[in-house]
Amino acid sequence: VLLNGVATGLYIGAGLGPGPRDGLMTGLAARGHSIRVVRT
């Protein structure tokens, strides 16, 4: 769990593109839905 948090910071912090699942979430949220509702 701890290393997963560090890894998330590393790859997202690099700023070279989100993961496919994160992009799906933000893409759906951009259609007018709450990102919390979409992720849940």
ModelCIF file with pLDDT and N, C-alpha, C, O atoms, coordinates in Angstrom:
data_MODEL
#
_entry.id   MODEL 
#
_entity.id                         1 
_entity.type                       polymer 
_entity.pdbx_number_of_molecules   1 
#
_entity_poly.entity_id                      1 
_entity_poly.type                           'polypeptide(L)' 
_entity_poly.nstd_linkage                   no 
_entity_poly.nstd_monomer                   no 
_entity_poly.pdbx_seq_one_letter_code       VLLNGVATGLYIGAGLGPGPRDGLMTGLAARGHSIRVVRT 
_entity_poly.pdbx_seq_one_letter_code_can   VLLNGVATGLYIGAGLGPGPRDGLMTGLAARGHSIRVVRT 
_entity_poly.pdbx_strand_id                 A 
#
loop_
_entity_poly_seq.entity_id 
_entity_poly_seq.num 
_entity_poly_seq.mon_id 
_entity_poly_seq.hetero 
1 1  VAL n 
1 2  LEU n 
1 3  LEU n 
1 4  ASN n 
1 5  GLY n 
1 6  VAL n 
1 7  ALA n 
1 8  THR n 
1 9  GLY n 
1 10 LEU n 
1 11 TYR n 
1 12 ILE n 
1 13 GLY n 
1 14 ALA n 
1 15 GLY n 
1 16 LEU n 
1 17 GLY n 
1 18 PRO n 
1 19 GLY n 
1 20 PRO n 
1 21 ARG n 
1 22 ASP n 
1 23 GLY n 
1 24 LEU n 
1 25 MET n 
1 26 THR n 
1 27 GLY n 
1 28 LEU n 
1 29 ALA n 
1 30 ALA n 
1 31 ARG n 
1 32 GLY n 
1 33 HIS n 
1 34 SER n 
1 35 ILE n 
1 36 ARG n 
1 37 VAL n 
1 38 VAL n 
1 39 ARG n 
1 40 THR n 
#
_struct_asym.id          A 
_struct_asym.entity_id   1 
#
loop_
_ma_qa_metric.id 
_ma_qa_metric.mode 
_ma_qa_metric.name 
_ma_qa_metric.software_group_id 
_ma_qa_metric.type 
1 global pLDDT . pLDDT 
2 local  pLDDT . pLDDT 
#
_ma_qa_metric_global.metric_id      1 
_ma_qa_metric_global.metric_value   88.30 
_ma_qa_metric_global.model_id       1 
_ma_qa_metric_global.ordinal_id     1 
#
loop_
_ma_qa_metric_local.label_asym_id 
_ma_qa_metric_local.label_comp_id 
_ma_qa_metric_local.label_seq_id 
_ma_qa_metric_local.metric_id 
_ma_qa_metric_local.metric_value 
_ma_qa_metric_local.model_id 
_ma_qa_metric_local.ordinal_id 
A VAL 1  2 97.00 1 1  
A LEU 2  2 97.00 1 2  
A LEU 3  2 98.00 1 3  
A ASN 4  2 95.00 1 4  
A GLY 5  2 94.00 1 5  
A VAL 6  2 97.00 1 6  
A ALA 7  2 96.00 1 7  
A THR 8  2 93.00 1 8  
A GLY 9  2 93.00 1 9  
A LEU 10 2 95.00 1 10 
A TYR 11 2 93.00 1 11 
A ILE 12 2 90.00 1 12 
A GLY 13 2 91.00 1 13 
A ALA 14 2 93.00 1 14 
A GLY 15 2 90.00 1 15 
A LEU 16 2 93.00 1 16 
A GLY 17 2 88.00 1 17 
A PRO 18 2 85.00 1 18 
A GLY 19 2 90.00 1 19 
A PRO 20 2 93.00 1 20 
A ARG 21 2 90.00 1 21 
A ASP 22 2 86.00 1 22 
A GLY 23 2 87.00 1 23 
A LEU 24 2 89.00 1 24 
A MET 25 2 85.00 1 25 
A THR 26 2 81.00 1 26 
A GLY 27 2 86.00 1 27 
A LEU 28 2 86.00 1 28 
A ALA 29 2 82.00 1 29 
A ALA 30 2 81.00 1 30 
A ARG 31 2 83.00 1 31 
A GLY 32 2 81.00 1 32 
A HIS 33 2 77.00 1 33 
A SER 34 2 82.00 1 34 
A ILE 35 2 75.00 1 35 
A ARG 36 2 78.00 1 36 
A VAL 37 2 86.00 1 37 
A VAL 38 2 87.00 1 38 
A ARG 39 2 82.00 1 39 
A THR 40 2 87.00 1 40 
#
loop_
_atom_site.group_PDB 
_atom_site.id 
_atom_site.type_symbol 
_atom_site.label_atom_id 
_atom_site.label_alt_id 
_atom_site.label_comp_id 
_atom_site.label_asym_id 
_atom_site.label_entity_id 
_atom_site.label_seq_id 
_atom_site.pdbx_PDB_ins_code 
_atom_site.Cartn_x 
_atom_site.Cartn_y 
_atom_site.Cartn_z 
_atom_site.occupancy 
_atom_site.B_iso_or_equiv 
_atom_site.pdbx_formal_charge 
_atom_site.auth_seq_id 
_atom_site.auth_comp_id 
_atom_site.auth_asym_id 
_atom_site.auth_atom_id 
_atom_site.pdbx_PDB_model_num 
ATOM 1   N N  . VAL A 1 1  ? 0.835   -1.202 0.000   1.00 97.00 ? 1  VAL A N  1 
ATOM 2   C CA . VAL A 1 1  ? 0.000   0.000  0.000   1.00 97.00 ? 1  VAL A CA 1 
ATOM 3   C C  . VAL A 1 1  ? 0.872   1.255  0.000   1.00 97.00 ? 1  VAL A C  1 
ATOM 4   O O  . VAL A 1 1  ? 0.625   2.182  -0.772  1.00 97.00 ? 1  VAL A O  1 
ATOM 5   N N  . LEU A 1 2  ? 1.895   1.290  0.865   1.00 97.00 ? 2  LEU A N  1 
ATOM 6   C CA . LEU A 1 2  ? 2.765   2.460  0.943   1.00 97.00 ? 2  LEU A CA 1 
ATOM 7   C C  . LEU A 1 2  ? 3.505   2.694  -0.378  1.00 97.00 ? 2  LEU A C  1 
ATOM 8   O O  . LEU A 1 2  ? 3.529   3.812  -0.893  1.00 97.00 ? 2  LEU A O  1 
ATOM 9   N N  . LEU A 1 3  ? 4.103   1.641  -0.918  1.00 98.00 ? 3  LEU A N  1 
ATOM 10  C CA . LEU A 1 3  ? 4.863   1.778  -2.159  1.00 98.00 ? 3  LEU A CA 1 
ATOM 11  C C  . LEU A 1 3  ? 3.952   2.120  -3.330  1.00 98.00 ? 3  LEU A C  1 
ATOM 12  O O  . LEU A 1 3  ? 4.379   2.785  -4.274  1.00 98.00 ? 3  LEU A O  1 
ATOM 13  N N  . ASN A 1 4  ? 2.710   1.675  -3.277  1.00 95.00 ? 4  ASN A N  1 
ATOM 14  C CA . ASN A 1 4  ? 1.762   2.024  -4.327  1.00 95.00 ? 4  ASN A CA 1 
ATOM 15  C C  . ASN A 1 4  ? 1.498   3.524  -4.328  1.00 95.00 ? 4  ASN A C  1 
ATOM 16  O O  . ASN A 1 4  ? 1.360   4.141  -5.385  1.00 95.00 ? 4  ASN A O  1 
ATOM 17  N N  . GLY A 1 5  ? 1.428   4.107  -3.125  1.00 94.00 ? 5  GLY A N  1 
ATOM 18  C CA . GLY A 1 5  ? 1.254   5.555  -3.028  1.00 94.00 ? 5  GLY A CA 1 
ATOM 19  C C  . GLY A 1 5  ? 2.446   6.302  -3.580  1.00 94.00 ? 5  GLY A C  1 
ATOM 20  O O  . GLY A 1 5  ? 2.290   7.299  -4.285  1.00 94.00 ? 5  GLY A O  1 
ATOM 21  N N  . VAL A 1 6  ? 3.660   5.816  -3.256  1.00 97.00 ? 6  VAL A N  1 
ATOM 22  C CA . VAL A 1 6  ? 4.875   6.439  -3.788  1.00 97.00 ? 6  VAL A CA 1 
ATOM 23  C C  . VAL A 1 6  ? 4.907   6.319  -5.312  1.00 97.00 ? 6  VAL A C  1 
ATOM 24  O O  . VAL A 1 6  ? 5.225   7.279  -6.015  1.00 97.00 ? 6  VAL A O  1 
ATOM 25  N N  . ALA A 1 7  ? 4.573   5.129  -5.809  1.00 96.00 ? 7  ALA A N  1 
ATOM 26  C CA . ALA A 1 7  ? 4.579   4.892  -7.255  1.00 96.00 ? 7  ALA A CA 1 
ATOM 27  C C  . ALA A 1 7  ? 3.586   5.788  -7.972  1.00 96.00 ? 7  ALA A C  1 
ATOM 28  O O  . ALA A 1 7  ? 3.871   6.300  -9.054  1.00 96.00 ? 7  ALA A O  1 
ATOM 29  N N  . THR A 1 8  ? 2.419   5.979  -7.369  1.00 93.00 ? 8  THR A N  1 
ATOM 30  C CA . THR A 1 8  ? 1.414   6.863  -7.956  1.00 93.00 ? 8  THR A CA 1 
ATOM 31  C C  . THR A 1 8  ? 1.959   8.282  -8.085  1.00 93.00 ? 8  THR A C  1 
ATOM 32  O O  . THR A 1 8  ? 1.781   8.935  -9.113  1.00 93.00 ? 8  THR A O  1 
ATOM 33  N N  . GLY A 1 9  ? 2.626   8.752  -7.028  1.00 93.00 ? 9  GLY A N  1 
ATOM 34  C CA . GLY A 1 9  ? 3.229   10.076 -7.072  1.00 93.00 ? 9  GLY A CA 1 
ATOM 35  C C  . GLY A 1 9  ? 4.301   10.189 -8.135  1.00 93.00 ? 9  GLY A C  1 
ATOM 36  O O  . GLY A 1 9  ? 4.405   11.215 -8.808  1.00 93.00 ? 9  GLY A O  1 
ATOM 37  N N  . LEU A 1 10 ? 5.103   9.140  -8.294  1.00 95.00 ? 10 LEU A N  1 
ATOM 38  C CA . LEU A 1 10 ? 6.179   9.161  -9.280  1.00 95.00 ? 10 LEU A CA 1 
ATOM 39  C C  . LEU A 1 10 ? 5.641   9.251  -10.703 1.00 95.00 ? 10 LEU A C  1 
ATOM 40  O O  . LEU A 1 10 ? 6.055   10.120 -11.469 1.00 95.00 ? 10 LEU A O  1 
ATOM 41  N N  . TYR A 1 11 ? 4.720   8.355  -11.061 1.00 93.00 ? 11 TYR A N  1 
ATOM 42  C CA . TYR A 1 11 ? 4.327   8.319  -12.471 1.00 93.00 ? 11 TYR A CA 1 
ATOM 43  C C  . TYR A 1 11 ? 3.380   9.458  -12.833 1.00 93.00 ? 11 TYR A C  1 
ATOM 44  O O  . TYR A 1 11 ? 3.451   9.982  -13.945 1.00 93.00 ? 11 TYR A O  1 
ATOM 45  N N  . ILE A 1 12 ? 2.504   9.847  -11.927 1.00 90.00 ? 12 ILE A N  1 
ATOM 46  C CA . ILE A 1 12 ? 1.645   10.999 -12.222 1.00 90.00 ? 12 ILE A CA 1 
ATOM 47  C C  . ILE A 1 12 ? 2.454   12.287 -12.142 1.00 90.00 ? 12 ILE A C  1 
ATOM 48  O O  . ILE A 1 12 ? 2.254   13.199 -12.944 1.00 90.00 ? 12 ILE A O  1 
ATOM 49  N N  . GLY A 1 13 ? 3.372   12.366 -11.172 1.00 91.00 ? 13 GLY A N  1 
ATOM 50  C CA . GLY A 1 13 ? 4.204   13.546 -11.017 1.00 91.00 ? 13 GLY A CA 1 
ATOM 51  C C  . GLY A 1 13 ? 5.129   13.796 -12.196 1.00 91.00 ? 13 GLY A C  1 
ATOM 52  O O  . GLY A 1 13 ? 5.586   14.922 -12.393 1.00 91.00 ? 13 GLY A O  1 
ATOM 53  N N  . ALA A 1 14 ? 5.415   12.758 -12.987 1.00 93.00 ? 14 ALA A N  1 
ATOM 54  C CA . ALA A 1 14 ? 6.249   12.932 -14.175 1.00 93.00 ? 14 ALA A CA 1 
ATOM 55  C C  . ALA A 1 14 ? 5.544   13.767 -15.235 1.00 93.00 ? 14 ALA A C  1 
ATOM 56  O O  . ALA A 1 14 ? 6.190   14.353 -16.104 1.00 93.00 ? 14 ALA A O  1 
ATOM 57  N N  . GLY A 1 15 ? 4.220   13.820 -15.163 1.00 90.00 ? 15 GLY A N  1 
ATOM 58  C CA . GLY A 1 15 ? 3.457   14.672 -16.068 1.00 90.00 ? 15 GLY A CA 1 
ATOM 59  C C  . GLY A 1 15 ? 3.473   14.236 -17.517 1.00 90.00 ? 15 GLY A C  1 
ATOM 60  O O  . GLY A 1 15 ? 3.418   15.077 -18.414 1.00 90.00 ? 15 GLY A O  1 
ATOM 61  N N  . LEU A 1 16 ? 3.550   12.913 -17.771 1.00 93.00 ? 16 LEU A N  1 
ATOM 62  C CA . LEU A 1 16 ? 3.613   12.413 -19.144 1.00 93.00 ? 16 LEU A CA 1 
ATOM 63  C C  . LEU A 1 16 ? 2.364   11.641 -19.541 1.00 93.00 ? 16 LEU A C  1 
ATOM 64  O O  . LEU A 1 16 ? 2.382   10.879 -20.508 1.00 93.00 ? 16 LEU A O  1 
ATOM 65  N N  . GLY A 1 17 ? 1.287   11.836 -18.802 1.00 88.00 ? 17 GLY A N  1 
ATOM 66  C CA . GLY A 1 17 ? 0.021   11.205 -19.158 1.00 88.00 ? 17 GLY A CA 1 
ATOM 67  C C  . GLY A 1 17 ? -0.507  10.319 -18.048 1.00 88.00 ? 17 GLY A C  1 
ATOM 68  O O  . GLY A 1 17 ? 0.265   9.587  -17.428 1.00 88.00 ? 17 GLY A O  1 
ATOM 69  N N  . PRO A 1 18 ? -1.818  10.368 -17.781 1.00 85.00 ? 18 PRO A N  1 
ATOM 70  C CA . PRO A 1 18 ? -2.412  9.535  -16.737 1.00 85.00 ? 18 PRO A CA 1 
ATOM 71  C C  . PRO A 1 18 ? -2.548  8.088  -17.181 1.00 85.00 ? 18 PRO A C  1 
ATOM 72  O O  . PRO A 1 18 ? -2.422  7.777  -18.366 1.00 85.00 ? 18 PRO A O  1 
ATOM 73  N N  . GLY A 1 19 ? -2.806  7.206  -16.223 1.00 90.00 ? 19 GLY A N  1 
ATOM 74  C CA . GLY A 1 19 ? -3.081  5.824  -16.559 1.00 90.00 ? 19 GLY A CA 1 
ATOM 75  C C  . GLY A 1 19 ? -4.419  5.710  -17.277 1.00 90.00 ? 19 GLY A C  1 
ATOM 76  O O  . GLY A 1 19 ? -5.240  6.623  -17.188 1.00 90.00 ? 19 GLY A O  1 
ATOM 77  N N  . PRO A 1 20 ? -4.658  4.600  -17.994 1.00 93.00 ? 20 PRO A N  1 
ATOM 78  C CA . PRO A 1 20 ? -5.909  4.467  -18.750 1.00 93.00 ? 20 PRO A CA 1 
ATOM 79  C C  . PRO A 1 20 ? -7.154  4.530  -17.878 1.00 93.00 ? 20 PRO A C  1 
ATOM 80  O O  . PRO A 1 20 ? -8.170  5.086  -18.297 1.00 93.00 ? 20 PRO A O  1 
ATOM 81  N N  . ARG A 1 21 ? -7.095  3.971  -16.677 1.00 90.00 ? 21 ARG A N  1 
ATOM 82  C CA . ARG A 1 21 ? -8.263  3.970  -15.802 1.00 90.00 ? 21 ARG A CA 1 
ATOM 83  C C  . ARG A 1 21 ? -8.524  5.373  -15.245 1.00 90.00 ? 21 ARG A C  1 
ATOM 84  O O  . ARG A 1 21 ? -9.676  5.787  -15.118 1.00 90.00 ? 21 ARG A O  1 
ATOM 85  N N  . ASP A 1 22 ? -7.450  6.105  -14.912 1.00 86.00 ? 22 ASP A N  1 
ATOM 86  C CA . ASP A 1 22 ? -7.607  7.477  -14.444 1.00 86.00 ? 22 ASP A CA 1 
ATOM 87  C C  . ASP A 1 22 ? -8.182  8.361  -15.546 1.00 86.00 ? 22 ASP A C  1 
ATOM 88  O O  . ASP A 1 22 ? -9.025  9.220  -15.288 1.00 86.00 ? 22 ASP A O  1 
ATOM 89  N N  . GLY A 1 23 ? -7.721  8.144  -16.771 1.00 87.00 ? 23 GLY A N  1 
ATOM 90  C CA . GLY A 1 23 ? -8.214  8.933  -17.893 1.00 87.00 ? 23 GLY A CA 1 
ATOM 91  C C  . GLY A 1 23 ? -9.678  8.663  -18.181 1.00 87.00 ? 23 GLY A C  1 
ATOM 92  O O  . GLY A 1 23 ? -10.420 9.575  -18.546 1.00 87.00 ? 23 GLY A O  1 
ATOM 93  N N  . LEU A 1 24 ? -10.103 7.410  -18.020 1.00 89.00 ? 24 LEU A N  1 
ATOM 94  C CA . LEU A 1 24 ? -11.520 7.086  -18.200 1.00 89.00 ? 24 LEU A CA 1 
ATOM 95  C C  . LEU A 1 24 ? -12.353 7.822  -17.167 1.00 89.00 ? 24 LEU A C  1 
ATOM 96  O O  . LEU A 1 24 ? -13.409 8.371  -17.481 1.00 89.00 ? 24 LEU A O  1 
ATOM 97  N N  . MET A 1 25 ? -11.873 7.829  -15.943 1.00 85.00 ? 25 MET A N  1 
ATOM 98  C CA . MET A 1 25 ? -12.586 8.502  -14.858 1.00 85.00 ? 25 MET A CA 1 
ATOM 99  C C  . MET A 1 25 ? -12.721 9.992  -15.127 1.00 85.00 ? 25 MET A C  1 
ATOM 100 O O  . MET A 1 25 ? -13.814 10.547 -15.015 1.00 85.00 ? 25 MET A O  1 
ATOM 101 N N  . THR A 1 26 ? -11.617 10.643 -15.480 1.00 81.00 ? 26 THR A N  1 
ATOM 102 C CA . THR A 1 26 ? -11.674 12.083 -15.715 1.00 81.00 ? 26 THR A CA 1 
ATOM 103 C C  . THR A 1 26 ? -12.449 12.414 -16.979 1.00 81.00 ? 26 THR A C  1 
ATOM 104 O O  . THR A 1 26 ? -13.097 13.458 -17.060 1.00 81.00 ? 26 THR A O  1 
ATOM 105 N N  . GLY A 1 27 ? -12.382 11.517 -17.975 1.00 86.00 ? 27 GLY A N  1 
ATOM 106 C CA . GLY A 1 27 ? -13.148 11.738 -19.199 1.00 86.00 ? 27 GLY A CA 1 
ATOM 107 C C  . GLY A 1 27 ? -14.638 11.695 -18.965 1.00 86.00 ? 27 GLY A C  1 
ATOM 108 O O  . GLY A 1 27 ? -15.383 12.515 -19.502 1.00 86.00 ? 27 GLY A O  1 
ATOM 109 N N  . LEU A 1 28 ? -15.077 10.733 -18.158 1.00 86.00 ? 28 LEU A N  1 
ATOM 110 C CA . LEU A 1 28 ? -16.505 10.651 -17.821 1.00 86.00 ? 28 LEU A CA 1 
ATOM 111 C C  . LEU A 1 28 ? -16.928 11.836 -16.960 1.00 86.00 ? 28 LEU A C  1 
ATOM 112 O O  . LEU A 1 28 ? -18.022 12.379 -17.119 1.00 86.00 ? 28 LEU A O  1 
ATOM 113 N N  . ALA A 1 29 ? -16.045 12.226 -16.047 1.00 82.00 ? 29 ALA A N  1 
ATOM 114 C CA . ALA A 1 29 ? -16.367 13.363 -15.176 1.00 82.00 ? 29 ALA A CA 1 
ATOM 115 C C  . ALA A 1 29 ? -16.493 14.647 -15.986 1.00 82.00 ? 29 ALA A C  1 
ATOM 116 O O  . ALA A 1 29 ? -17.279 15.529 -15.639 1.00 82.00 ? 29 ALA A O  1 
ATOM 117 N N  . ALA A 1 30 ? -15.714 14.753 -17.070 1.00 81.00 ? 30 ALA A N  1 
ATOM 118 C CA . ALA A 1 30 ? -15.774 15.952 -17.911 1.00 81.00 ? 30 ALA A CA 1 
ATOM 119 C C  . ALA A 1 30 ? -17.105 16.085 -18.646 1.00 81.00 ? 30 ALA A C  1 
ATOM 120 O O  . ALA A 1 30 ? -17.428 17.150 -19.173 1.00 81.00 ? 30 ALA A O  1 
ATOM 121 N N  . ARG A 1 31 ? -17.874 14.998 -18.678 1.00 83.00 ? 31 ARG A N  1 
ATOM 122 C CA . ARG A 1 31 ? -19.182 15.033 -19.316 1.00 83.00 ? 31 ARG A CA 1 
ATOM 123 C C  . ARG A 1 31 ? -20.265 15.571 -18.383 1.00 83.00 ? 31 ARG A C  1 
ATOM 124 O O  . ARG A 1 31 ? -21.455 15.504 -18.691 1.00 83.00 ? 31 ARG A O  1 
ATOM 125 N N  . GLY A 1 32 ? -19.842 16.097 -17.256 1.00 81.00 ? 32 GLY A N  1 
ATOM 126 C CA . GLY A 1 32 ? -20.797 16.733 -16.358 1.00 81.00 ? 32 GLY A CA 1 
ATOM 127 C C  . GLY A 1 32 ? -21.129 15.943 -15.112 1.00 81.00 ? 32 GLY A C  1 
ATOM 128 O O  . GLY A 1 32 ? -22.074 16.278 -14.398 1.00 81.00 ? 32 GLY A O  1 
ATOM 129 N N  . HIS A 1 33 ? -20.360 14.891 -14.840 1.00 77.00 ? 33 HIS A N  1 
ATOM 130 C CA . HIS A 1 33 ? -20.607 14.061 -13.660 1.00 77.00 ? 33 HIS A CA 1 
ATOM 131 C C  . HIS A 1 33 ? -19.574 14.379 -12.578 1.00 77.00 ? 33 HIS A C  1 
ATOM 132 O O  . HIS A 1 33 ? -18.467 14.826 -12.880 1.00 77.00 ? 33 HIS A O  1 
ATOM 133 N N  . SER A 1 34 ? -19.937 14.148 -11.335 1.00 82.00 ? 34 SER A N  1 
ATOM 134 C CA . SER A 1 34 ? -19.003 14.323 -10.231 1.00 82.00 ? 34 SER A CA 1 
ATOM 135 C C  . SER A 1 34 ? -17.916 13.272 -10.333 1.00 82.00 ? 34 SER A C  1 
ATOM 136 O O  . SER A 1 34 ? -18.203 12.091 -10.525 1.00 82.00 ? 34 SER A O  1 
ATOM 137 N N  . ILE A 1 35 ? -16.659 13.701 -10.205 1.00 75.00 ? 35 ILE A N  1 
ATOM 138 C CA . ILE A 1 35 ? -15.555 12.750 -10.300 1.00 75.00 ? 35 ILE A CA 1 
ATOM 139 C C  . ILE A 1 35 ? -15.615 11.731 -9.162  1.00 75.00 ? 35 ILE A C  1 
ATOM 140 O O  . ILE A 1 35 ? -15.196 10.585 -9.327  1.00 75.00 ? 35 ILE A O  1 
ATOM 141 N N  . ARG A 1 36 ? -16.136 12.148 -8.011  1.00 78.00 ? 36 ARG A N  1 
ATOM 142 C CA . ARG A 1 36 ? -16.271 11.210 -6.888  1.00 78.00 ? 36 ARG A CA 1 
ATOM 143 C C  . ARG A 1 36 ? -17.292 10.127 -7.212  1.00 78.00 ? 36 ARG A C  1 
ATOM 144 O O  . ARG A 1 36 ? -17.077 8.952  -6.913  1.00 78.00 ? 36 ARG A O  1 
ATOM 145 N N  . VAL A 1 37 ? -18.409 10.529 -7.826  1.00 86.00 ? 37 VAL A N  1 
ATOM 146 C CA . VAL A 1 37 ? -19.447 9.565  -8.189  1.00 86.00 ? 37 VAL A CA 1 
ATOM 147 C C  . VAL A 1 37 ? -18.934 8.622  -9.270  1.00 86.00 ? 37 VAL A C  1 
ATOM 148 O O  . VAL A 1 37 ? -19.158 7.414  -9.201  1.00 86.00 ? 37 VAL A O  1 
ATOM 149 N N  . VAL A 1 38 ? -18.248 9.171  -10.266 1.00 87.00 ? 38 VAL A N  1 
ATOM 150 C CA . VAL A 1 38 ? -17.729 8.353  -11.358 1.00 87.00 ? 38 VAL A CA 1 
ATOM 151 C C  . VAL A 1 38 ? -16.720 7.342  -10.829 1.00 87.00 ? 38 VAL A C  1 
ATOM 152 O O  . VAL A 1 38 ? -16.792 6.158  -11.161 1.00 87.00 ? 38 VAL A O  1 
ATOM 153 N N  . ARG A 1 39 ? -15.772 7.806  -10.001 1.00 82.00 ? 39 ARG A N  1 
ATOM 154 C CA . ARG A 1 39 ? -14.757 6.895  -9.479  1.00 82.00 ? 39 ARG A CA 1 
ATOM 155 C C  . ARG A 1 39 ? -15.388 5.809  -8.617  1.00 82.00 ? 39 ARG A C  1 
ATOM 156 O O  . ARG A 1 39 ? -15.037 4.634  -8.730  1.00 82.00 ? 39 ARG A O  1 
ATOM 157 N N  . THR A 1 40 ? -16.315 6.204  -7.762  1.00 87.00 ? 40 THR A N  1 
ATOM 158 C CA . THR A 1 40 ? -16.964 5.226  -6.892  1.00 87.00 ? 40 THR A CA 1 
ATOM 159 C C  . THR A 1 40 ? -17.727 4.197  -7.709  1.00 87.00 ? 40 THR A C  1 
ATOM 160 O O  . THR A 1 40 ? -18.340 3.291  -7.144  1.00 87.00 ? 40 THR A O  1 
#
